[in-house]
Amino acid sequence: VQLVESGGGLVQVGGSLRLSCAASGRIFKTYYMGWFRQTPGKERELAAAISMSGGFTYYEDSVKGRFTISTDNANTVYLQMYSLKPEDTAVYYCAASQRLGRISTLGLYDYWGQGTLVTVSS
């Protein structure tokens, strides 16, 4: 499975941004896809995830009500981000899991994109 992110960039506080992740390869076996984010010196954390079959979604507490994860049920996953804050600044990674388990578990995800930088300026 290959994952390619796009849509990162510089945005002002309170602004919006939409990230896209295009998947290719043996994607038919994918159970979950997620958007993780990481800042220097910190562990990678899950921002949002979605199950590819039933549409179940998971959001980290700090992004609830501001971020929306969705899929076109084909090969693309989106992360729509609203009301962005400086603390949302990070490299955002798309990830895919072909194993069943707790959707929020980082170790469940075997395939990763190269990351896209989101910078929120105040």
C-alpha atoms as a PDB file:
ATOM      1  CA  VAL A   1       0.000   0.000   0.000  1.00  0.00           C
ATOM      2  CA  GLN A   2       1.323   3.404  -0.963  1.00  0.00           C
ATOM      3  CA  LEU A   3      -0.011   6.581   0.611  1.00  0.00           C
ATOM      4  CA  VAL A   4       0.496  10.088  -0.709  1.00  0.00           C
ATOM      5  CA  GLU A   5      -0.627  13.108   1.297  1.00  0.00           C
ATOM      6  CA  SER A   6      -1.352  16.568  -0.018  1.00  0.00           C
ATOM      7  CA  GLY A   7      -2.950  19.775   1.149  1.00  0.00           C
ATOM      8  CA  GLY A   8      -0.637  20.965   3.887  1.00  0.00           C
ATOM      9  CA  GLY A   9       0.546  24.537   4.116  1.00  0.00           C
ATOM     10  CA  LEU A  10       0.515  27.756   6.070  1.00  0.00           C
ATOM     11  CA  VAL A  11      -2.748  29.045   7.493  1.00  0.00           C
ATOM     12  CA  GLN A  12      -3.684  31.701  10.009  1.00  0.00           C
ATOM     13  CA  VAL A  13      -5.267  31.000  13.367  1.00  0.00           C
ATOM     14  CA  GLY A  14      -8.945  30.248  12.932  1.00  0.00           C
ATOM     15  CA  GLY A  15      -8.488  29.236   9.335  1.00  0.00           C
ATOM     16  CA  SER A  16      -9.289  25.976   7.563  1.00  0.00           C
ATOM     17  CA  LEU A  17      -7.347  23.429   5.614  1.00  0.00           C
ATOM     18  CA  ARG A  18      -8.146  20.111   3.971  1.00  0.00           C
ATOM     19  CA  LEU A  19      -5.654  17.290   3.758  1.00  0.00           C
ATOM     20  CA  SER A  20      -5.985  14.476   1.236  1.00  0.00           C
ATOM     21  CA  CYS A  21      -4.454  11.015   1.250  1.00  0.00           C
ATOM     22  CA  ALA A  22      -4.482   8.946  -1.919  1.00  0.00           C
ATOM     23  CA  ALA A  23      -3.942   5.236  -1.429  1.00  0.00           C
ATOM     24  CA  SER A  24      -2.791   2.765  -4.055  1.00  0.00           C
ATOM     25  CA  GLY A  25      -1.751  -0.844  -4.148  1.00  0.00           C
ATOM     26  CA  ARG A  26      -3.511  -3.612  -2.235  1.00  0.00           C
ATOM     27  CA  ILE A  27      -5.930  -1.257  -0.572  1.00  0.00           C
ATOM     28  CA  PHE A  28      -8.864  -3.664  -0.609  1.00  0.00           C
ATOM     29  CA  LYS A  29      -7.505  -5.228   2.585  1.00  0.00           C
ATOM     30  CA  THR A  30      -7.450  -1.935   4.495  1.00  0.00           C
ATOM     31  CA  TYR A  31      -9.571  -1.811   7.645  1.00  0.00           C
ATOM     32  CA  TYR A  32      -8.677   1.606   9.025  1.00  0.00           C
ATOM     33  CA  MET A  33      -7.064   4.786   7.836  1.00  0.00           C
ATOM     34  CA  GLY A  34      -5.909   7.517  10.081  1.00  0.00           C
ATOM     35  CA  TRP A  35      -4.268  10.907  10.278  1.00  0.00           C
ATOM     36  CA  PHE A  36      -1.454  11.145  12.770  1.00  0.00           C
ATOM     37  CA  ARG A  37       0.550  14.229  13.617  1.00  0.00           C
ATOM     38  CA  GLN A  38       3.942  14.862  15.089  1.00  0.00           C
ATOM     39  CA  THR A  39       5.933  17.837  16.310  1.00  0.00           C
ATOM     40  CA  PRO A  40       9.676  17.864  17.069  1.00  0.00           C
ATOM     41  CA  GLY A  41      10.507  16.090  20.291  1.00  0.00           C
ATOM     42  CA  LYS A  42       7.069  14.604  20.714  1.00  0.00           C
ATOM     43  CA  GLU A  43       5.590  11.229  19.939  1.00  0.00           C
ATOM     44  CA  ARG A  44       3.391  10.772  16.938  1.00  0.00           C
ATOM     45  CA  GLU A  45      -0.247  11.007  17.974  1.00  0.00           C
ATOM     46  CA  LEU A  46      -3.481  10.052  16.303  1.00  0.00           C
ATOM     47  CA  ALA A  47      -5.669  12.991  15.372  1.00  0.00           C
ATOM     48  CA  ALA A  48      -8.465  11.123  13.608  1.00  0.00           C
ATOM     49  CA  ALA A  49      -9.189   7.727  12.107  1.00  0.00           C
ATOM     50  CA  ILE A  50     -11.926   6.038  10.133  1.00  0.00           C
ATOM     51  CA  SER A  51     -12.947   2.461   9.477  1.00  0.00           C
ATOM     52  CA  MET A  52     -13.189   1.797   5.777  1.00  0.00           C
ATOM     53  CA  SER A  53     -16.150  -0.559   6.008  1.00  0.00           C
ATOM     54  CA  GLY A  54     -18.629   0.972   8.411  1.00  0.00           C
ATOM     55  CA  GLY A  55     -17.530   4.567   8.565  1.00  0.00           C
ATOM     56  CA  PHE A  56     -16.780   4.488  12.296  1.00  0.00           C
ATOM     57  CA  THR A  57     -14.684   7.485  13.216  1.00  0.00           C
ATOM     58  CA  TYR A  58     -12.342   8.326  16.058  1.00  0.00           C
ATOM     59  CA  TYR A  59     -11.115  11.767  17.095  1.00  0.00           C
ATOM     60  CA  GLU A  60      -8.531  12.810  19.604  1.00  0.00           C
ATOM     61  CA  ASP A  61     -10.115  15.053  22.229  1.00  0.00           C
ATOM     62  CA  SER A  62      -8.342  18.238  21.180  1.00  0.00           C
ATOM     63  CA  VAL A  63      -9.660  18.048  17.609  1.00  0.00           C
ATOM     64  CA  LYS A  64     -13.241  16.988  18.299  1.00  0.00           C
ATOM     65  CA  GLY A  65     -15.675  19.422  16.762  1.00  0.00           C
ATOM     66  CA  ARG A  66     -12.955  21.003  14.625  1.00  0.00           C
ATOM     67  CA  PHE A  67     -11.657  18.177  12.425  1.00  0.00           C
ATOM     68  CA  THR A  68     -13.650  15.839  10.213  1.00  0.00           C
ATOM     69  CA  ILE A  69     -12.263  12.674   8.645  1.00  0.00           C
ATOM     70  CA  SER A  70     -13.993  11.194   5.633  1.00  0.00           C
ATOM     71  CA  THR A  71     -13.427   8.853   2.738  1.00  0.00           C
ATOM     72  CA  ASP A  72     -14.736   8.512  -0.773  1.00  0.00           C
ATOM     73  CA  ASN A  73     -14.905   4.751  -0.122  1.00  0.00           C
ATOM     74  CA  ALA A  74     -12.496   4.238  -2.964  1.00  0.00           C
ATOM     75  CA  ASN A  75      -8.937   5.207  -2.317  1.00  0.00           C
ATOM     76  CA  THR A  76      -8.866   8.672  -0.770  1.00  0.00           C
ATOM     77  CA  VAL A  77      -9.191   9.830   2.816  1.00  0.00           C
ATOM     78  CA  TYR A  78      -9.640  13.461   3.780  1.00  0.00           C
ATOM     79  CA  LEU A  79      -9.070  15.457   6.917  1.00  0.00           C
ATOM     80  CA  GLN A  80     -11.020  18.693   6.966  1.00  0.00           C
ATOM     81  CA  MET A  81      -9.666  21.002   9.623  1.00  0.00           C
ATOM     82  CA  TYR A  82     -11.517  24.060  10.897  1.00  0.00           C
ATOM     83  CA  SER A  83     -10.771  26.652  13.576  1.00  0.00           C
ATOM     84  CA  LEU A  84      -7.090  25.847  13.446  1.00  0.00           C
ATOM     85  CA  LYS A  85      -4.916  26.715  16.421  1.00  0.00           C
ATOM     86  CA  PRO A  86      -1.147  27.180  16.717  1.00  0.00           C
ATOM     87  CA  GLU A  87      -0.971  23.881  18.608  1.00  0.00           C
ATOM     88  CA  ASP A  88      -2.265  22.110  15.496  1.00  0.00           C
ATOM     89  CA  THR A  89       1.054  22.903  13.821  1.00  0.00           C
ATOM     90  CA  ALA A  90       2.691  19.580  12.997  1.00  0.00           C
ATOM     91  CA  VAL A  91       3.662  17.194  10.266  1.00  0.00           C
ATOM     92  CA  TYR A  92       0.541  15.225   9.440  1.00  0.00           C
ATOM     93  CA  TYR A  93       0.907  11.630   8.334  1.00  0.00           C
ATOM     94  CA  CYS A  94      -1.645   9.433   6.645  1.00  0.00           C
ATOM     95  CA  ALA A  95      -1.591   5.810   7.747  1.00  0.00           C
ATOM     96  CA  ALA A  96      -3.372   2.584   6.885  1.00  0.00           C
ATOM     97  CA  SER A  97      -4.020  -0.597   8.811  1.00  0.00           C
ATOM     98  CA  GLN A  98      -4.810  -3.994   7.384  1.00  0.00           C
ATOM     99  CA  ARG A  99      -5.263  -5.553  10.793  1.00  0.00           C
ATOM    100  CA  LEU A 100      -8.252  -5.513  13.096  1.00  0.00           C
ATOM    101  CA  GLY A 101      -7.872  -4.009  16.533  1.00  0.00           C
ATOM    102  CA  ARG A 102      -8.377  -0.799  18.456  1.00  0.00           C
ATOM    103  CA  ILE A 103      -8.553   1.919  15.836  1.00  0.00           C
ATOM    104  CA  SER A 104      -6.573   4.357  17.968  1.00  0.00           C
ATOM    105  CA  THR A 105      -3.535   2.102  18.414  1.00  0.00           C
ATOM    106  CA  LEU A 106      -0.494   3.505  16.627  1.00  0.00           C
ATOM    107  CA  GLY A 107       1.106   0.077  16.330  1.00  0.00           C
ATOM    108  CA  LEU A 108      -1.831  -1.190  14.305  1.00  0.00           C
ATOM    109  CA  TYR A 109      -0.853   0.956  11.347  1.00  0.00           C
ATOM    110  CA  ASP A 110       1.671  -0.588   8.982  1.00  0.00           C
ATOM    111  CA  TYR A 111       1.638   1.787   6.044  1.00  0.00           C
ATOM    112  CA  TRP A 112       2.595   5.440   6.184  1.00  0.00           C
ATOM    113  CA  GLY A 113       2.765   8.403   3.896  1.00  0.00           C
ATOM    114  CA  GLN A 114       5.673  10.805   3.747  1.00  0.00           C
ATOM    115  CA  GLY A 115       3.903  13.480   5.751  1.00  0.00           C
ATOM    116  CA  THR A 116       2.699  16.972   4.983  1.00  0.00           C
ATOM    117  CA  LEU A 117       3.470  20.034   7.078  1.00  0.00           C
ATOM    118  CA  VAL A 118       0.672  22.141   8.512  1.00  0.00           C
ATOM    119  CA  THR A 119       1.713  25.451  10.029  1.00  0.00           C
ATOM    120  CA  VAL A 120      -0.806  27.617  11.880  1.00  0.00           C
ATOM    121  CA  SER A 121       0.431  31.139  12.429  1.00  0.00           C
ATOM    122  CA  SER A 122      -0.861  33.523  15.049  1.00  0.00           C
END
